[in-house]
C-alpha atoms as a PDB file:
ATOM      1  CA  UNK A   1      57.518 145.026 104.074  1.00  0.00           C
ATOM      2  CA  UNK A   2      59.729 143.293 101.522  1.00  0.00           C
ATOM      3  CA  UNK A   3      59.310 142.984  97.764  1.00  0.00           C
ATOM      4  CA  UNK A   4      60.546 139.742  96.212  1.00  0.00           C
ATOM      5  CA  UNK A   5      61.089 138.831  92.566  1.00  0.00           C
ATOM      6  CA  UNK A   6      62.017 135.300  91.501  1.00  0.00           C
ATOM      7  CA  UNK A   7      63.772 134.329  88.283  1.00  0.00           C
ATOM      8  CA  UNK A   8      65.558 131.375  86.740  1.00  0.00           C
ATOM      9  CA  UNK A   9      62.737 128.920  86.242  1.00  0.00           C
ATOM     10  CA  UNK A  10      62.248 126.983  83.036  1.00  0.00           C
ATOM     11  CA  UNK A  11      62.028 123.607  81.354  1.00  0.00           C
ATOM     12  CA  UNK A  12      64.760 121.054  81.988  1.00  0.00           C
ATOM     13  CA  UNK A  13      65.192 117.337  81.442  1.00  0.00           C
ATOM     14  CA  UNK A  14      65.337 114.923  84.354  1.00  0.00           C
ATOM     15  CA  UNK A  15      68.841 114.848  85.801  1.00  0.00           C
ATOM     16  CA  UNK A  16      69.507 118.434  84.814  1.00  0.00           C
ATOM     17  CA  UNK A  17      70.091 121.544  86.892  1.00  0.00           C
ATOM     18  CA  UNK A  18      68.598 124.990  87.394  1.00  0.00           C
ATOM     19  CA  UNK A  19      69.469 127.899  89.642  1.00  0.00           C
ATOM     20  CA  UNK A  20      66.659 130.070  90.935  1.00  0.00           C
ATOM     21  CA  UNK A  21      67.277 133.609  92.140  1.00  0.00           C
ATOM     22  CA  UNK A  22      65.155 135.858  94.312  1.00  0.00           C
ATOM     23  CA  UNK A  23      65.924 139.560  94.469  1.00  0.00           C
ATOM     24  CA  UNK A  24      64.709 141.416  97.539  1.00  0.00           C
ATOM     25  CA  UNK A  25      64.074 145.070  98.222  1.00  0.00           C
ATOM     26  CA  UNK A  26      62.439 147.264 100.842  1.00  0.00           C
ATOM     27  CA  UNK A  27      64.215 146.312 104.077  1.00  0.00           C
ATOM     28  CA  UNK A  28      67.845 145.590 104.852  1.00  0.00           C
ATOM     29  CA  UNK A  29      68.312 142.094 103.444  1.00  0.00           C
ATOM     30  CA  UNK A  30      70.660 140.846 106.142  1.00  0.00           C
ATOM     31  CA  UNK A  31      68.053 141.344 108.868  1.00  0.00           C
ATOM     32  CA  UNK A  32      65.654 138.544 107.921  1.00  0.00           C
ATOM     33  CA  UNK A  33      65.560 134.896 106.977  1.00  0.00           C
ATOM     34  CA  UNK A  34      64.563 133.577 103.562  1.00  0.00           C
ATOM     35  CA  UNK A  35      62.862 130.461 102.333  1.00  0.00           C
ATOM     36  CA  UNK A  36      61.853 128.636  99.183  1.00  0.00           C
ATOM     37  CA  UNK A  37      58.526 126.845  98.822  1.00  0.00           C
ATOM     38  CA  UNK A  38      56.877 125.119  95.890  1.00  0.00           C
ATOM     39  CA  UNK A  39      53.378 124.256  94.788  1.00  0.00           C
ATOM     40  CA  UNK A  40      52.434 121.665  92.212  1.00  0.00           C
ATOM     41  CA  UNK A  41      48.995 121.625  90.538  1.00  0.00           C
ATOM     42  CA  UNK A  42      46.358 120.269  92.886  1.00  0.00           C
ATOM     43  CA  UNK A  43      48.747 120.142  95.835  1.00  0.00           C
ATOM     44  CA  UNK A  44      49.392 122.319  98.852  1.00  0.00           C
ATOM     45  CA  UNK A  45      52.357 124.647  99.054  1.00  0.00           C
ATOM     46  CA  UNK A  46      55.304 122.792 100.555  1.00  0.00           C
ATOM     47  CA  UNK A  47      58.565 123.804 102.158  1.00  0.00           C
ATOM     48  CA  UNK A  48      61.760 123.333 100.149  1.00  0.00           C
ATOM     49  CA  UNK A  49      64.590 125.142 101.948  1.00  0.00           C
ATOM     50  CA  UNK A  50      65.315 128.039 104.289  1.00  0.00           C
ATOM     51  CA  UNK A  51      68.352 130.049 105.293  1.00  0.00           C
ATOM     52  CA  UNK A  52      68.902 132.315 108.270  1.00  0.00           C
ATOM     53  CA  UNK A  53      69.659 135.995 107.907  1.00  0.00           C
ATOM     54  CA  UNK A  54      73.404 135.493 108.344  1.00  0.00           C
ATOM     55  CA  UNK A  55      73.502 132.427 106.118  1.00  0.00           C
ATOM     56  CA  UNK A  56      75.100 130.153 108.729  1.00  0.00           C
ATOM     57  CA  UNK A  57      71.955 128.080 109.289  1.00  0.00           C
ATOM     58  CA  UNK A  58      69.826 126.306 106.687  1.00  0.00           C
ATOM     59  CA  UNK A  59      67.076 123.679 106.560  1.00  0.00           C
ATOM     60  CA  UNK A  60      65.891 121.399 103.763  1.00  0.00           C
ATOM     61  CA  UNK A  61      62.923 119.229 103.020  1.00  0.00           C
ATOM     62  CA  UNK A  62      63.843 115.552 103.039  1.00  0.00           C
ATOM     63  CA  UNK A  63      62.794 115.284  99.400  1.00  0.00           C
ATOM     64  CA  UNK A  64      65.503 117.702  98.241  1.00  0.00           C
ATOM     65  CA  UNK A  65      68.374 117.018 100.664  1.00  0.00           C
ATOM     66  CA  UNK A  66      71.593 116.329  98.825  1.00  0.00           C
ATOM     67  CA  UNK A  67      70.214 117.743  95.553  1.00  0.00           C
ATOM     68  CA  UNK A  68      69.262 121.347  96.333  1.00  0.00           C
ATOM     69  CA  UNK A  69      71.363 124.050  97.963  1.00  0.00           C
ATOM     70  CA  UNK A  70      70.094 127.352  99.324  1.00  0.00           C
ATOM     71  CA  UNK A  71      72.484 130.281  99.615  1.00  0.00           C
ATOM     72  CA  UNK A  72      72.350 134.046  99.928  1.00  0.00           C
ATOM     73  CA  UNK A  73      74.453 137.037  99.000  1.00  0.00           C
ATOM     74  CA  UNK A  74      73.615 139.843 101.402  1.00  0.00           C
ATOM     75  CA  UNK A  75      75.648 142.314  99.364  1.00  0.00           C
ATOM     76  CA  UNK A  76      73.420 141.633  96.350  1.00  0.00           C
ATOM     77  CA  UNK A  77      70.136 141.290  98.292  1.00  0.00           C
ATOM     78  CA  UNK A  78      69.593 137.922  96.652  1.00  0.00           C
ATOM     79  CA  UNK A  79      68.851 134.378  97.731  1.00  0.00           C
ATOM     80  CA  UNK A  80      69.527 131.418  95.458  1.00  0.00           C
ATOM     81  CA  UNK A  81      68.308 127.868  95.102  1.00  0.00           C
ATOM     82  CA  UNK A  82      70.687 125.602  93.200  1.00  0.00           C
ATOM     83  CA  UNK A  83      68.762 122.550  92.041  1.00  0.00           C
ATOM     84  CA  UNK A  84      70.677 119.523  90.771  1.00  0.00           C
ATOM     85  CA  UNK A  85      69.610 116.021  89.749  1.00  0.00           C
ATOM     86  CA  UNK A  86      66.126 117.303  89.043  1.00  0.00           C
ATOM     87  CA  UNK A  87      63.234 114.855  88.919  1.00  0.00           C
ATOM     88  CA  UNK A  88      59.799 115.134  87.288  1.00  0.00           C
ATOM     89  CA  UNK A  89      58.284 115.334  90.766  1.00  0.00           C
ATOM     90  CA  UNK A  90      60.170 118.599  91.324  1.00  0.00           C
ATOM     91  CA  UNK A  91      57.853 120.239  88.779  1.00  0.00           C
ATOM     92  CA  UNK A  92      56.047 123.109  90.489  1.00  0.00           C
ATOM     93  CA  UNK A  93      55.817 126.855  90.859  1.00  0.00           C
ATOM     94  CA  UNK A  94      58.641 127.908  93.173  1.00  0.00           C
ATOM     95  CA  UNK A  95      58.171 130.835  95.543  1.00  0.00           C
ATOM     96  CA  UNK A  96      60.664 132.690  97.673  1.00  0.00           C
ATOM     97  CA  UNK A  97      59.519 134.161 100.955  1.00  0.00           C
ATOM     98  CA  UNK A  98      60.837 136.427 103.712  1.00  0.00           C
ATOM     99  CA  UNK A  99      60.624 135.650 107.426  1.00  0.00           C
ATOM    100  CA  UNK A 100      61.070 139.092 108.938  1.00  0.00           C
ATOM    101  CA  UNK A 101      61.398 137.853 112.543  1.00  0.00           C
ATOM    102  CA  UNK A 102      63.822 135.027 111.901  1.00  0.00           C
ATOM    103  CA  UNK A 103      67.261 134.761 113.390  1.00  0.00           C
ATOM    104  CA  UNK A 104      67.777 130.975 113.214  1.00  0.00           C
ATOM    105  CA  UNK A 105      65.741 128.109 111.735  1.00  0.00           C
ATOM    106  CA  UNK A 106      65.639 125.538 114.537  1.00  0.00           C
ATOM    107  CA  UNK A 107      63.177 123.363 112.650  1.00  0.00           C
ATOM    108  CA  UNK A 108      61.504 123.228 109.254  1.00  0.00           C
ATOM    109  CA  UNK A 109      59.401 126.407 109.166  1.00  0.00           C
ATOM    110  CA  UNK A 110      55.726 126.377 108.129  1.00  0.00           C
ATOM    111  CA  UNK A 111      54.474 128.739 105.397  1.00  0.00           C
ATOM    112  CA  UNK A 112      52.591 130.915 107.897  1.00  0.00           C
ATOM    113  CA  UNK A 113      55.889 131.895 109.497  1.00  0.00           C
ATOM    114  CA  UNK A 114      56.792 133.904 106.397  1.00  0.00           C
ATOM    115  CA  UNK A 115      55.599 137.449 105.931  1.00  0.00           C
ATOM    116  CA  UNK A 116      56.186 138.367 102.305  1.00  0.00           C
ATOM    117  CA  UNK A 117      56.135 136.280  99.131  1.00  0.00           C
ATOM    118  CA  UNK A 118      57.253 136.580  95.542  1.00  0.00           C
ATOM    119  CA  UNK A 119      55.044 135.906  92.538  1.00  0.00           C
ATOM    120  CA  UNK A 120      56.625 132.539  91.778  1.00  0.00           C
ATOM    121  CA  UNK A 121      58.591 131.014  88.914  1.00  0.00           C
ATOM    122  CA  UNK A 122      57.643 127.849  87.043  1.00  0.00           C
ATOM    123  CA  UNK A 123      60.004 124.875  87.045  1.00  0.00           C
ATOM    124  CA  UNK A 124      59.122 121.995  84.742  1.00  0.00           C
ATOM    125  CA  UNK A 125      61.167 118.791  84.682  1.00  0.00           C
ATOM    126  CA  UNK A 126      60.515 116.451  81.774  1.00  0.00           C
ATOM    127  CA  UNK A 127      61.102 112.708  81.975  1.00  0.00           C
END
């Protein structure tokens, strides 16, 4: 089992940037893949980005390609989500998640593929 704690959310104007962090503990960080999801009020949780355990492979939702970048620092047990050119429609609670069986993300992974989740951090983008 993995414990995950997100940070870095907040209020930002459209066009601005935020960097989310997710600190992991409990199992050797470099042995599992990580993902970011988000959930807006009244909507289902949706995939944002994922990165393999080594960091060489990543996937993005079409809605964030070219604006968001996922990265990880296995020495610091942390995964990041750099969000640039933010839009009001990016407003949501952002969750990080651990895929304990992952070695490589061949396709966009569904939420049920992930085993452990953080508590979420709110991102609000004003117009």
